[in-house]
Amino acid sequence: MPEKSAKKKIDFDYKHIAHVALMLFIISVVAAALLGYTNSITKSKIARQEKETNVEARQKVLTEADTFKQIKNAKAVAKKADRANASIVMEAYAGYKKGKLVGYTVKTNPQGYGGEVEILTGVDIKGKTTGITIVSNSETAGLGARCVEPGFQKQFKGLDTAKPLTVVKNGNASGNGKIEAIAGATITSRAVTRGVNISMKVCKALAGGAK
């Protein structure tokens, strides 16, 4: 007759298993806590860097100002000034020199070729643009990313906020609100111009007492 297979008896040490499970649980909790703490520190650092970058950008486009005060109702003003483009207005600040209003800055984020292009535009109380700066962008290197170059940005200085800007190509810009597009990057050029146009409208409205 064939030999019967013997059944193996497995003994479980339930205390040991419970101990291991508890240790794994504690390790998981500690790891999660450390990860959360690290993320909190990282987010705080990023937020601080972004704040510093924005402060520097405001001072760059409105150099006359020594202090800035955020305009809380900027989005509402933008909707009244240009509802179609109001969604790209992120924030606006009033700039002061020794307590006297000297102008405004508006940050926008129009869609470029590679993503949002964050632009800060400055306008003085006379209704003239004081310049722009690109806070961040994801445009193509050598093409749209050239929107950060002084040669392109200088076109947006000293413009009348009452005159809308348009983008032209192939050296056809002759002033009067015409912006020469970056070669091979018309989409980026139009995005920046769109941001500046709505910024000028917002600043003009604020200067006129809009609320």
N, C-alpha and C. Protein backbone atom coordinates (compact mmCIF):
# COMPACT_ATOMS: atom_id res chain seq x y z
N MET A 1 0.84 -1.20 0.00
CA MET A 1 0.00 0.00 0.00
C MET A 1 0.87 1.25 0.00
N PRO A 2 0.41 2.31 -0.74
CA PRO A 2 1.22 3.54 -0.76
C PRO A 2 1.25 4.19 0.61
N GLU A 3 2.39 4.74 0.85
CA GLU A 3 2.59 5.37 2.16
C GLU A 3 1.82 6.68 2.22
N LYS A 4 1.08 6.89 3.29
CA LYS A 4 0.32 8.12 3.45
C LYS A 4 1.24 9.29 3.79
N SER A 5 0.93 10.44 3.14
CA SER A 5 1.73 11.65 3.41
C SER A 5 1.41 12.16 4.80
N ALA A 6 2.44 12.47 5.51
CA ALA A 6 2.25 12.98 6.87
C ALA A 6 1.89 14.47 6.82
N LYS A 7 0.91 14.86 7.57
CA LYS A 7 0.51 16.27 7.63
C LYS A 7 1.44 17.03 8.56
N LYS A 8 1.95 18.14 8.01
CA LYS A 8 2.86 18.95 8.81
C LYS A 8 2.07 19.93 9.66
N LYS A 9 2.44 19.99 10.85
CA LYS A 9 1.78 20.91 11.77
C LYS A 9 2.58 22.21 11.85
N ILE A 10 1.88 23.30 11.55
CA ILE A 10 2.55 24.60 11.57
C ILE A 10 2.13 25.35 12.83
N ASP A 11 3.10 25.71 13.59
CA ASP A 11 2.82 26.44 14.82
C ASP A 11 3.02 27.94 14.58
N PHE A 12 2.03 28.73 14.91
CA PHE A 12 2.11 30.18 14.75
C PHE A 12 2.40 30.83 16.10
N ASP A 13 3.37 31.75 16.06
CA ASP A 13 3.68 32.52 17.26
C ASP A 13 2.93 33.85 17.13
N TYR A 14 1.70 33.86 17.60
CA TYR A 14 0.85 35.03 17.42
C TYR A 14 1.41 36.28 18.08
N LYS A 15 2.09 36.13 19.18
CA LYS A 15 2.69 37.29 19.85
C LYS A 15 3.78 37.91 18.97
N HIS A 16 4.57 37.04 18.35
CA HIS A 16 5.64 37.54 17.48
C HIS A 16 5.05 38.26 16.26
N ILE A 17 4.01 37.66 15.68
CA ILE A 17 3.37 38.27 14.51
C ILE A 17 2.78 39.63 14.87
N ALA A 18 2.13 39.69 16.02
CA ALA A 18 1.53 40.96 16.47
C ALA A 18 2.61 42.01 16.70
N HIS A 19 3.74 41.57 17.26
CA HIS A 19 4.86 42.49 17.51
C HIS A 19 5.41 43.05 16.20
N VAL A 20 5.60 42.18 15.21
CA VAL A 20 6.11 42.61 13.90
C VAL A 20 5.14 43.57 13.23
N ALA A 21 3.84 43.23 13.30
CA ALA A 21 2.81 44.09 12.70
C ALA A 21 2.81 45.47 13.35
N LEU A 22 2.94 45.49 14.67
CA LEU A 22 2.96 46.76 15.40
C LEU A 22 4.17 47.59 15.00
N MET A 23 5.33 46.94 14.88
CA MET A 23 6.55 47.64 14.49
C MET A 23 6.42 48.23 13.09
N LEU A 24 5.84 47.44 12.17
CA LEU A 24 5.64 47.93 10.80
C LEU A 24 4.69 49.12 10.78
N PHE A 25 3.67 49.06 11.63
CA PHE A 25 2.70 50.15 11.71
C PHE A 25 3.38 51.42 12.22
N ILE A 26 4.18 51.27 13.27
CA ILE A 26 4.89 52.42 13.85
C ILE A 26 5.85 53.02 12.83
N ILE A 27 6.58 52.17 12.11
CA ILE A 27 7.52 52.65 11.09
C ILE A 27 6.78 53.42 10.00
N SER A 28 5.61 52.89 9.59
CA SER A 28 4.82 53.55 8.55
C SER A 28 4.34 54.92 9.01
N VAL A 29 3.88 54.98 10.26
CA VAL A 29 3.39 56.25 10.81
C VAL A 29 4.51 57.28 10.89
N VAL A 30 5.67 56.84 11.38
CA VAL A 30 6.82 57.75 11.50
C VAL A 30 7.27 58.22 10.12
N ALA A 31 7.32 57.29 9.15
CA ALA A 31 7.73 57.65 7.79
C ALA A 31 6.77 58.65 7.17
N ALA A 32 5.47 58.44 7.39
CA ALA A 32 4.45 59.35 6.85
C ALA A 32 4.58 60.73 7.49
N ALA A 33 4.85 60.74 8.80
CA ALA A 33 5.00 62.01 9.51
C ALA A 33 6.22 62.77 9.00
N LEU A 34 7.32 62.05 8.80
CA LEU A 34 8.55 62.69 8.30
C LEU A 34 8.34 63.22 6.89
N LEU A 35 7.63 62.45 6.05
CA LEU A 35 7.36 62.89 4.68
C LEU A 35 6.49 64.14 4.68
N GLY A 36 5.47 64.13 5.56
CA GLY A 36 4.59 65.29 5.66
C GLY A 36 5.35 66.52 6.12
N TYR A 37 6.24 66.34 7.09
CA TYR A 37 7.05 67.45 7.60
C TYR A 37 7.97 67.99 6.51
N THR A 38 8.59 67.08 5.76
CA THR A 38 9.48 67.48 4.66
C THR A 38 8.72 68.26 3.60
N ASN A 39 7.52 67.76 3.25
CA ASN A 39 6.70 68.45 2.25
C ASN A 39 6.30 69.83 2.73
N SER A 40 5.99 69.93 4.03
CA SER A 40 5.60 71.21 4.61
C SER A 40 6.74 72.21 4.52
N ILE A 41 7.95 71.75 4.84
CA ILE A 41 9.13 72.62 4.78
C ILE A 41 9.39 73.05 3.34
N THR A 42 9.26 72.09 2.41
CA THR A 42 9.49 72.38 0.99
C THR A 42 8.49 73.40 0.46
N LYS A 43 7.20 73.19 0.79
CA LYS A 43 6.16 74.11 0.33
C LYS A 43 6.39 75.51 0.90
N SER A 44 6.78 75.56 2.16
CA SER A 44 7.04 76.85 2.80
C SER A 44 8.20 77.57 2.12
N LYS A 45 9.23 76.81 1.78
CA LYS A 45 10.40 77.39 1.12
C LYS A 45 10.04 77.90 -0.27
N ILE A 46 9.26 77.11 -1.01
CA ILE A 46 8.84 77.50 -2.36
C ILE A 46 7.98 78.75 -2.30
N ALA A 47 7.05 78.79 -1.34
CA ALA A 47 6.17 79.95 -1.19
C ALA A 47 6.98 81.21 -0.88
N ARG A 48 7.99 81.06 -0.02
CA ARG A 48 8.84 82.19 0.34
C ARG A 48 9.63 82.69 -0.88
N GLN A 49 10.14 81.75 -1.67
CA GLN A 49 10.90 82.11 -2.87
C GLN A 49 10.02 82.81 -3.89
N GLU A 50 8.78 82.31 -4.04
CA GLU A 50 7.84 82.93 -4.98
C GLU A 50 7.50 84.35 -4.54
N LYS A 51 7.33 84.52 -3.24
CA LYS A 51 7.02 85.85 -2.71
C LYS A 51 8.16 86.82 -2.98
N GLU A 52 9.39 86.37 -2.74
CA GLU A 52 10.56 87.20 -2.98
C GLU A 52 10.70 87.54 -4.46
N THR A 53 10.43 86.56 -5.32
CA THR A 53 10.52 86.77 -6.76
C THR A 53 9.52 87.82 -7.22
N ASN A 54 8.30 87.75 -6.68
CA ASN A 54 7.26 88.71 -7.06
C ASN A 54 7.57 90.11 -6.56
N VAL A 55 8.14 90.20 -5.36
CA VAL A 55 8.52 91.51 -4.82
C VAL A 55 9.58 92.15 -5.71
N GLU A 56 10.58 91.37 -6.09
CA GLU A 56 11.65 91.86 -6.96
C GLU A 56 11.10 92.27 -8.32
N ALA A 57 10.15 91.49 -8.83
CA ALA A 57 9.56 91.79 -10.14
C ALA A 57 8.78 93.10 -10.10
N ARG A 58 8.03 93.33 -9.03
CA ARG A 58 7.28 94.58 -8.92
C ARG A 58 8.21 95.78 -8.87
N GLN A 59 9.29 95.64 -8.13
CA GLN A 59 10.25 96.74 -8.03
C GLN A 59 10.97 96.97 -9.35
N LYS A 60 11.11 95.90 -10.13
CA LYS A 60 11.79 96.01 -11.42
C LYS A 60 10.96 96.78 -12.44
N VAL A 61 9.64 96.54 -12.47
CA VAL A 61 8.80 97.19 -13.48
C VAL A 61 8.26 98.55 -13.03
N LEU A 62 8.30 98.80 -11.74
CA LEU A 62 7.86 100.10 -11.23
C LEU A 62 8.92 100.59 -10.25
N THR A 63 10.05 100.98 -10.80
CA THR A 63 11.23 101.32 -10.00
C THR A 63 11.03 102.53 -9.09
N GLU A 64 10.10 103.39 -9.44
CA GLU A 64 9.89 104.60 -8.64
C GLU A 64 9.27 104.28 -7.28
N ALA A 65 8.56 103.18 -7.19
CA ALA A 65 7.87 102.83 -5.94
C ALA A 65 8.82 102.25 -4.90
N ASP A 66 8.56 102.57 -3.65
CA ASP A 66 9.36 101.98 -2.56
C ASP A 66 8.52 101.03 -1.70
N THR A 67 7.20 101.10 -1.86
CA THR A 67 6.31 100.16 -1.17
C THR A 67 5.14 99.80 -2.09
N PHE A 68 4.56 98.63 -1.84
CA PHE A 68 3.43 98.17 -2.66
C PHE A 68 2.30 97.68 -1.76
N LYS A 69 1.09 97.91 -2.21
CA LYS A 69 -0.09 97.45 -1.48
C LYS A 69 -0.99 96.69 -2.43
N GLN A 70 -1.35 95.47 -2.04
CA GLN A 70 -2.18 94.64 -2.92
C GLN A 70 -3.58 95.21 -3.07
N ILE A 71 -4.09 95.15 -4.29
CA ILE A 71 -5.45 95.60 -4.58
C ILE A 71 -6.35 94.37 -4.52
N LYS A 72 -7.16 94.29 -3.50
CA LYS A 72 -7.95 93.09 -3.24
C LYS A 72 -9.00 92.79 -4.31
N ASN A 73 -9.53 93.84 -4.92
CA ASN A 73 -10.62 93.64 -5.89
C ASN A 73 -10.13 93.65 -7.33
N ALA A 74 -8.88 93.29 -7.54
CA ALA A 74 -8.29 93.35 -8.89
C ALA A 74 -9.08 92.53 -9.91
N LYS A 75 -9.51 91.34 -9.53
CA LYS A 75 -10.23 90.48 -10.46
C LYS A 75 -11.58 91.08 -10.85
N ALA A 76 -12.24 91.72 -9.89
CA ALA A 76 -13.53 92.36 -10.17
C ALA A 76 -13.33 93.53 -11.13
N VAL A 77 -12.26 94.28 -10.91
CA VAL A 77 -11.94 95.40 -11.80
C VAL A 77 -11.64 94.88 -13.21
N ALA A 78 -10.92 93.77 -13.27
CA ALA A 78 -10.57 93.17 -14.56
C ALA A 78 -11.82 92.75 -15.33
N LYS A 79 -12.80 92.19 -14.64
CA LYS A 79 -14.03 91.75 -15.30
C LYS A 79 -14.79 92.93 -15.91
N LYS A 80 -14.76 94.05 -15.22
CA LYS A 80 -15.43 95.24 -15.74
C LYS A 80 -14.65 95.85 -16.90
N ALA A 81 -13.33 95.76 -16.83
CA ALA A 81 -12.48 96.36 -17.86
C ALA A 81 -12.43 95.53 -19.14
N ASP A 82 -12.41 94.20 -18.98
CA ASP A 82 -12.29 93.30 -20.15
C ASP A 82 -12.69 91.89 -19.71
N ARG A 83 -13.97 91.62 -19.73
CA ARG A 83 -14.49 90.34 -19.23
C ARG A 83 -13.89 89.15 -19.96
N ALA A 84 -13.65 89.28 -21.26
CA ALA A 84 -13.14 88.17 -22.07
C ALA A 84 -11.76 87.71 -21.63
N ASN A 85 -10.96 88.61 -21.09
CA ASN A 85 -9.59 88.28 -20.70
C ASN A 85 -9.34 88.38 -19.20
N ALA A 86 -10.38 88.65 -18.45
CA ALA A 86 -10.23 88.86 -17.00
C ALA A 86 -9.68 87.64 -16.27
N SER A 87 -9.92 86.45 -16.81
CA SER A 87 -9.50 85.22 -16.12
C SER A 87 -7.99 85.08 -15.98
N ILE A 88 -7.22 85.79 -16.81
CA ILE A 88 -5.76 85.66 -16.74
C ILE A 88 -5.13 86.66 -15.77
N VAL A 89 -5.94 87.51 -15.18
CA VAL A 89 -5.41 88.47 -14.19
C VAL A 89 -5.24 87.76 -12.85
N MET A 90 -4.02 87.69 -12.36
CA MET A 90 -3.72 86.99 -11.12
C MET A 90 -3.77 87.91 -9.90
N GLU A 91 -3.20 89.09 -10.04
CA GLU A 91 -3.15 90.03 -8.92
C GLU A 91 -2.73 91.40 -9.42
N ALA A 92 -2.97 92.40 -8.59
CA ALA A 92 -2.57 93.77 -8.91
C ALA A 92 -2.13 94.46 -7.63
N TYR A 93 -1.16 95.35 -7.77
CA TYR A 93 -0.64 96.12 -6.63
C TYR A 93 -0.56 97.59 -6.99
N ALA A 94 -0.77 98.42 -5.99
CA ALA A 94 -0.56 99.86 -6.15
C ALA A 94 0.83 100.16 -5.60
N GLY A 95 1.60 100.96 -6.33
CA GLY A 95 2.94 101.30 -5.89
C GLY A 95 3.00 102.71 -5.34
N TYR A 96 3.73 102.88 -4.24
CA TYR A 96 3.82 104.19 -3.59
C TYR A 96 5.28 104.59 -3.37
N LYS A 97 5.50 105.89 -3.40
CA LYS A 97 6.80 106.43 -3.05
C LYS A 97 6.59 107.45 -1.95
N LYS A 98 7.11 107.12 -0.77
CA LYS A 98 6.92 107.97 0.41
C LYS A 98 5.44 108.25 0.65
N GLY A 99 4.63 107.21 0.44
CA GLY A 99 3.20 107.33 0.71
C GLY A 99 2.36 107.88 -0.43
N LYS A 100 3.00 108.30 -1.51
CA LYS A 100 2.28 108.87 -2.65
C LYS A 100 2.18 107.85 -3.78
N LEU A 101 0.97 107.69 -4.32
CA LEU A 101 0.74 106.74 -5.41
C LEU A 101 1.54 107.13 -6.65
N VAL A 102 2.30 106.17 -7.18
CA VAL A 102 3.09 106.44 -8.38
C VAL A 102 2.74 105.50 -9.55
N GLY A 103 1.94 104.47 -9.28
CA GLY A 103 1.56 103.58 -10.37
C GLY A 103 1.01 102.25 -9.89
N TYR A 104 0.90 101.33 -10.84
CA TYR A 104 0.34 100.02 -10.53
C TYR A 104 1.14 98.91 -11.21
N THR A 105 1.03 97.70 -10.67
CA THR A 105 1.59 96.53 -11.34
C THR A 105 0.49 95.47 -11.41
N VAL A 106 0.46 94.75 -12.51
CA VAL A 106 -0.54 93.69 -12.68
C VAL A 106 0.17 92.43 -13.17
N LYS A 107 -0.14 91.31 -12.53
CA LYS A 107 0.44 90.04 -12.97
C LYS A 107 -0.63 89.22 -13.68
N THR A 108 -0.26 88.67 -14.85
CA THR A 108 -1.18 87.87 -15.64
C THR A 108 -0.52 86.54 -16.01
N ASN A 109 -1.34 85.57 -16.42
CA ASN A 109 -0.79 84.27 -16.82
C ASN A 109 -1.47 83.72 -18.09
N PRO A 110 -1.33 84.42 -19.20
CA PRO A 110 -1.91 83.93 -20.46
C PRO A 110 -1.25 82.63 -20.91
N GLN A 111 -1.96 81.87 -21.72
CA GLN A 111 -1.44 80.61 -22.22
C GLN A 111 -0.50 80.85 -23.40
N GLY A 112 0.73 80.37 -23.25
CA GLY A 112 1.70 80.49 -24.34
C GLY A 112 1.73 79.21 -25.16
N TYR A 113 2.85 78.92 -25.78
CA TYR A 113 2.98 77.70 -26.58
C TYR A 113 3.22 76.48 -25.70
N GLY A 114 4.03 76.65 -24.66
CA GLY A 114 4.38 75.52 -23.81
C GLY A 114 3.68 75.50 -22.47
N GLY A 115 2.84 76.47 -22.22
CA GLY A 115 2.15 76.56 -20.93
C GLY A 115 1.88 78.01 -20.58
N GLU A 116 1.55 78.25 -19.33
CA GLU A 116 1.27 79.61 -18.90
C GLU A 116 2.54 80.45 -18.86
N VAL A 117 2.40 81.71 -19.26
CA VAL A 117 3.50 82.66 -19.18
C VAL A 117 3.10 83.72 -18.17
N GLU A 118 3.80 83.78 -17.05
CA GLU A 118 3.47 84.77 -16.02
C GLU A 118 4.21 86.07 -16.32
N ILE A 119 3.43 87.13 -16.49
CA ILE A 119 3.98 88.43 -16.88
C ILE A 119 3.59 89.47 -15.84
N LEU A 120 4.52 90.32 -15.50
CA LEU A 120 4.23 91.43 -14.61
C LEU A 120 4.40 92.72 -15.40
N THR A 121 3.37 93.54 -15.40
CA THR A 121 3.38 94.80 -16.15
C THR A 121 3.27 95.98 -15.20
N GLY A 122 4.06 97.00 -15.44
CA GLY A 122 4.01 98.21 -14.63
C GLY A 122 3.45 99.37 -15.42
N VAL A 123 2.65 100.21 -14.76
CA VAL A 123 2.05 101.39 -15.40
C VAL A 123 2.11 102.54 -14.41
N ASP A 124 2.55 103.72 -14.87
CA ASP A 124 2.61 104.86 -13.96
C ASP A 124 1.28 105.61 -13.92
N ILE A 125 1.18 106.62 -13.07
CA ILE A 125 -0.09 107.32 -12.91
C ILE A 125 -0.42 108.22 -14.10
N LYS A 126 0.52 108.37 -15.02
CA LYS A 126 0.27 109.14 -16.23
C LYS A 126 -0.32 108.27 -17.34
N GLY A 127 -0.47 106.98 -17.04
CA GLY A 127 -1.04 106.08 -18.03
C GLY A 127 -0.05 105.54 -19.04
N LYS A 128 1.22 105.51 -18.65
CA LYS A 128 2.26 104.98 -19.53
C LYS A 128 2.86 103.71 -18.91
N THR A 129 3.11 102.73 -19.74
CA THR A 129 3.74 101.50 -19.23
C THR A 129 5.18 101.79 -18.84
N THR A 130 5.59 101.23 -17.72
CA THR A 130 6.96 101.44 -17.25
C THR A 130 7.84 100.22 -17.53
N GLY A 131 7.23 99.19 -18.10
CA GLY A 131 8.00 98.01 -18.46
C GLY A 131 7.31 96.73 -18.06
N ILE A 132 7.86 95.61 -18.53
CA ILE A 132 7.34 94.29 -18.15
C ILE A 132 8.50 93.38 -17.76
N THR A 133 8.17 92.30 -17.08
CA THR A 133 9.15 91.25 -16.81
C THR A 133 8.42 89.92 -16.82
N ILE A 134 9.09 88.90 -17.26
CA ILE A 134 8.51 87.56 -17.29
C ILE A 134 8.88 86.87 -15.97
N VAL A 135 7.88 86.58 -15.17
CA VAL A 135 8.11 85.95 -13.86
C VAL A 135 8.43 84.48 -14.02
N SER A 136 7.72 83.80 -14.93
CA SER A 136 8.00 82.39 -15.21
C SER A 136 7.42 82.01 -16.56
N ASN A 137 8.02 80.99 -17.18
CA ASN A 137 7.50 80.51 -18.47
C ASN A 137 8.02 79.11 -18.74
N SER A 138 7.33 78.41 -19.64
CA SER A 138 7.74 77.05 -20.05
C SER A 138 7.87 76.99 -21.56
N GLU A 139 8.24 78.11 -22.16
CA GLU A 139 8.32 78.18 -23.61
C GLU A 139 9.57 77.49 -24.16
N THR A 140 9.57 77.25 -25.46
CA THR A 140 10.66 76.53 -26.11
C THR A 140 11.96 77.34 -26.10
N ALA A 141 13.03 76.69 -25.66
CA ALA A 141 14.34 77.36 -25.63
C ALA A 141 14.74 77.81 -27.03
N GLY A 142 15.24 79.03 -27.13
CA GLY A 142 15.67 79.56 -28.42
C GLY A 142 14.55 80.15 -29.25
N LEU A 143 13.31 79.93 -28.82
CA LEU A 143 12.16 80.48 -29.54
C LEU A 143 11.32 81.30 -28.56
N GLY A 144 10.22 80.71 -28.07
CA GLY A 144 9.36 81.45 -27.15
C GLY A 144 10.03 81.88 -25.87
N ALA A 145 11.03 81.11 -25.42
CA ALA A 145 11.73 81.46 -24.18
C ALA A 145 12.49 82.77 -24.31
N ARG A 146 12.64 83.25 -25.53
CA ARG A 146 13.32 84.54 -25.75
C ARG A 146 12.46 85.72 -25.30
N CYS A 147 11.27 85.43 -24.81
CA CYS A 147 10.41 86.52 -24.30
C CYS A 147 11.04 87.18 -23.08
N VAL A 148 12.05 86.54 -22.50
CA VAL A 148 12.73 87.13 -21.34
C VAL A 148 13.81 88.12 -21.76
N GLU A 149 14.11 88.18 -23.05
CA GLU A 149 15.20 89.03 -23.53
C GLU A 149 14.81 90.51 -23.53
N PRO A 150 15.73 91.38 -23.13
CA PRO A 150 15.47 92.82 -23.08
C PRO A 150 15.01 93.39 -24.42
N GLY A 151 15.54 92.86 -25.52
CA GLY A 151 15.18 93.37 -26.84
C GLY A 151 13.71 93.23 -27.14
N PHE A 152 13.11 92.18 -26.66
CA PHE A 152 11.67 91.98 -26.86
C PHE A 152 10.87 92.78 -25.85
N GLN A 153 11.30 92.75 -24.60
CA GLN A 153 10.54 93.40 -23.53
C GLN A 153 10.54 94.93 -23.62
N LYS A 154 11.59 95.50 -24.17
CA LYS A 154 11.66 96.97 -24.23
C LYS A 154 10.56 97.57 -25.10
N GLN A 155 9.96 96.75 -25.97
CA GLN A 155 8.87 97.24 -26.81
C GLN A 155 7.64 97.62 -26.00
N PHE A 156 7.57 97.10 -24.77
CA PHE A 156 6.39 97.33 -23.93
C PHE A 156 6.58 98.48 -22.94
N LYS A 157 7.59 99.28 -23.14
CA LYS A 157 7.85 100.39 -22.23
C LYS A 157 7.45 101.72 -22.88
N GLY A 158 6.82 102.58 -22.08
CA GLY A 158 6.44 103.91 -22.56
C GLY A 158 5.21 103.93 -23.44
N LEU A 159 4.37 102.91 -23.34
CA LEU A 159 3.17 102.82 -24.18
C LEU A 159 1.96 103.44 -23.49
N ASP A 160 1.08 104.00 -24.28
CA ASP A 160 -0.15 104.61 -23.77
C ASP A 160 -1.17 103.52 -23.48
N THR A 161 -1.66 103.48 -22.26
CA THR A 161 -2.61 102.42 -21.88
C THR A 161 -3.95 102.54 -22.62
N ALA A 162 -4.18 103.67 -23.27
CA ALA A 162 -5.44 103.86 -23.99
C ALA A 162 -5.42 103.21 -25.37
N LYS A 163 -4.22 102.79 -25.82
CA LYS A 163 -4.09 102.22 -27.16
C LYS A 163 -3.77 100.72 -27.08
N PRO A 164 -4.68 99.87 -27.55
CA PRO A 164 -4.45 98.41 -27.53
C PRO A 164 -3.23 98.03 -28.37
N LEU A 165 -2.55 96.99 -27.96
CA LEU A 165 -1.36 96.53 -28.67
C LEU A 165 -1.70 95.38 -29.62
N THR A 166 -1.00 95.33 -30.75
CA THR A 166 -1.16 94.24 -31.71
C THR A 166 0.21 93.69 -32.07
N VAL A 167 0.25 92.42 -32.42
CA VAL A 167 1.51 91.76 -32.79
C VAL A 167 1.67 91.72 -34.30
N VAL A 168 2.85 92.09 -34.77
CA VAL A 168 3.15 92.04 -36.20
C VAL A 168 4.43 91.23 -36.39
N LYS A 169 4.65 90.78 -37.64
CA LYS A 169 5.83 89.95 -37.94
C LYS A 169 6.66 90.56 -39.05
N ASN A 170 7.86 90.02 -39.18
CA ASN A 170 8.77 90.36 -40.28
C ASN A 170 9.20 91.83 -40.30
N GLY A 171 9.43 92.39 -39.12
CA GLY A 171 9.95 93.75 -39.05
C GLY A 171 8.96 94.83 -39.43
N ASN A 172 7.68 94.55 -39.27
CA ASN A 172 6.66 95.54 -39.65
C ASN A 172 6.21 96.42 -38.49
N ALA A 173 6.83 96.26 -37.33
CA ALA A 173 6.47 97.10 -36.19
C ALA A 173 6.99 98.51 -36.41
N SER A 174 6.11 99.47 -36.25
CA SER A 174 6.51 100.86 -36.45
C SER A 174 6.04 101.74 -35.29
N GLY A 175 5.95 101.12 -34.12
CA GLY A 175 5.43 101.87 -32.99
C GLY A 175 3.92 101.90 -33.04
N ASN A 176 3.32 102.89 -32.45
CA ASN A 176 1.86 103.04 -32.46
C ASN A 176 1.13 101.77 -32.02
N GLY A 177 1.67 101.15 -30.99
CA GLY A 177 0.99 99.98 -30.46
C GLY A 177 1.27 98.68 -31.17
N LYS A 178 2.26 98.65 -32.05
CA LYS A 178 2.60 97.43 -32.77
C LYS A 178 3.83 96.77 -32.13
N ILE A 179 3.69 95.50 -31.81
CA ILE A 179 4.77 94.74 -31.16
C ILE A 179 5.35 93.75 -32.15
N GLU A 180 6.66 93.81 -32.36
CA GLU A 180 7.33 92.87 -33.26
C GLU A 180 7.43 91.50 -32.58
N ALA A 181 6.87 90.48 -33.26
CA ALA A 181 6.89 89.13 -32.72
C ALA A 181 8.30 88.55 -32.69
N ILE A 182 8.54 87.68 -31.73
CA ILE A 182 9.80 86.94 -31.68
C ILE A 182 9.80 85.98 -32.87
N ALA A 183 10.89 85.92 -33.60
CA ALA A 183 10.97 85.05 -34.78
C ALA A 183 10.69 83.60 -34.40
N GLY A 184 9.70 83.01 -35.06
CA GLY A 184 9.36 81.62 -34.80
C GLY A 184 8.56 81.39 -33.53
N ALA A 185 8.11 82.46 -32.91
CA ALA A 185 7.37 82.32 -31.64
C ALA A 185 6.22 83.33 -31.57
N THR A 186 5.40 83.29 -32.60
CA THR A 186 4.26 84.21 -32.65
C THR A 186 3.27 83.95 -31.53
N ILE A 187 3.05 82.67 -31.19
CA ILE A 187 2.10 82.33 -30.13
C ILE A 187 2.53 82.93 -28.80
N THR A 188 3.80 82.80 -28.48
CA THR A 188 4.33 83.37 -27.24
C THR A 188 4.21 84.89 -27.25
N SER A 189 4.55 85.49 -28.38
CA SER A 189 4.49 86.95 -28.51
C SER A 189 3.07 87.46 -28.31
N ARG A 190 2.12 86.74 -28.86
CA ARG A 190 0.71 87.14 -28.70
C ARG A 190 0.24 86.92 -27.27
N ALA A 191 0.75 85.89 -26.62
CA ALA A 191 0.38 85.63 -25.23
C ALA A 191 0.86 86.76 -24.33
N VAL A 192 2.10 87.16 -24.50
CA VAL A 192 2.65 88.25 -23.70
C VAL A 192 1.87 89.54 -23.97
N THR A 193 1.60 89.81 -25.22
CA THR A 193 0.87 91.02 -25.59
C THR A 193 -0.54 91.00 -25.02
N ARG A 194 -1.15 89.84 -25.02
CA ARG A 194 -2.49 89.70 -24.42
C ARG A 194 -2.44 90.04 -22.93
N GLY A 195 -1.42 89.55 -22.25
CA GLY A 195 -1.28 89.84 -20.83
C GLY A 195 -1.06 91.32 -20.56
N VAL A 196 -0.26 91.95 -21.40
CA VAL A 196 0.01 93.38 -21.23
C VAL A 196 -1.24 94.20 -21.53
N ASN A 197 -1.98 93.81 -22.56
CA ASN A 197 -3.20 94.54 -22.92
C ASN A 197 -4.21 94.58 -21.78
N ILE A 198 -4.49 93.43 -21.18
CA ILE A 198 -5.46 93.40 -20.08
C ILE A 198 -4.89 94.13 -18.87
N SER A 199 -3.59 94.06 -18.67
CA SER A 199 -2.96 94.77 -17.55
C SER A 199 -3.13 96.28 -17.71
N MET A 200 -2.95 96.76 -18.93
CA MET A 200 -3.10 98.20 -19.19
C MET A 200 -4.54 98.64 -18.93
N LYS A 201 -5.49 97.80 -19.30
CA LYS A 201 -6.90 98.14 -19.08
C LYS A 201 -7.22 98.19 -17.59
N VAL A 202 -6.67 97.23 -16.86
CA VAL A 202 -6.90 97.20 -15.41
C VAL A 202 -6.29 98.44 -14.74
N CYS A 203 -5.07 98.77 -15.12
CA CYS A 203 -4.39 99.94 -14.54
C CYS A 203 -5.13 101.23 -14.89
N LYS A 204 -5.61 101.32 -16.11
CA LYS A 204 -6.36 102.50 -16.54
C LYS A 204 -7.64 102.63 -15.72
N ALA A 205 -8.30 101.49 -15.49
CA ALA A 205 -9.54 101.50 -14.70
C ALA A 205 -9.26 101.89 -13.25
N LEU A 206 -8.17 101.35 -12.69
CA LEU A 206 -7.81 101.68 -11.31
C LEU A 206 -7.47 103.16 -11.17
N ALA A 207 -6.75 103.69 -12.14
CA ALA A 207 -6.39 105.11 -12.11
C ALA A 207 -7.63 105.99 -12.21
N GLY A 208 -8.68 105.44 -12.82
CA GLY A 208 -9.92 106.19 -12.96
C GLY A 208 -10.86 106.02 -11.78
N GLY A 209 -10.38 105.30 -10.77
CA GLY A 209 -11.17 105.13 -9.55
C GLY A 209 -12.06 103.91 -9.53
N ALA A 210 -11.79 102.95 -10.42
CA ALA A 210 -12.62 101.73 -10.47
C ALA A 210 -12.54 100.96 -9.16
N LYS A 211 -13.65 100.34 -8.79
CA LYS A 211 -13.71 99.55 -7.56
C LYS A 211 -14.40 98.21 -7.84
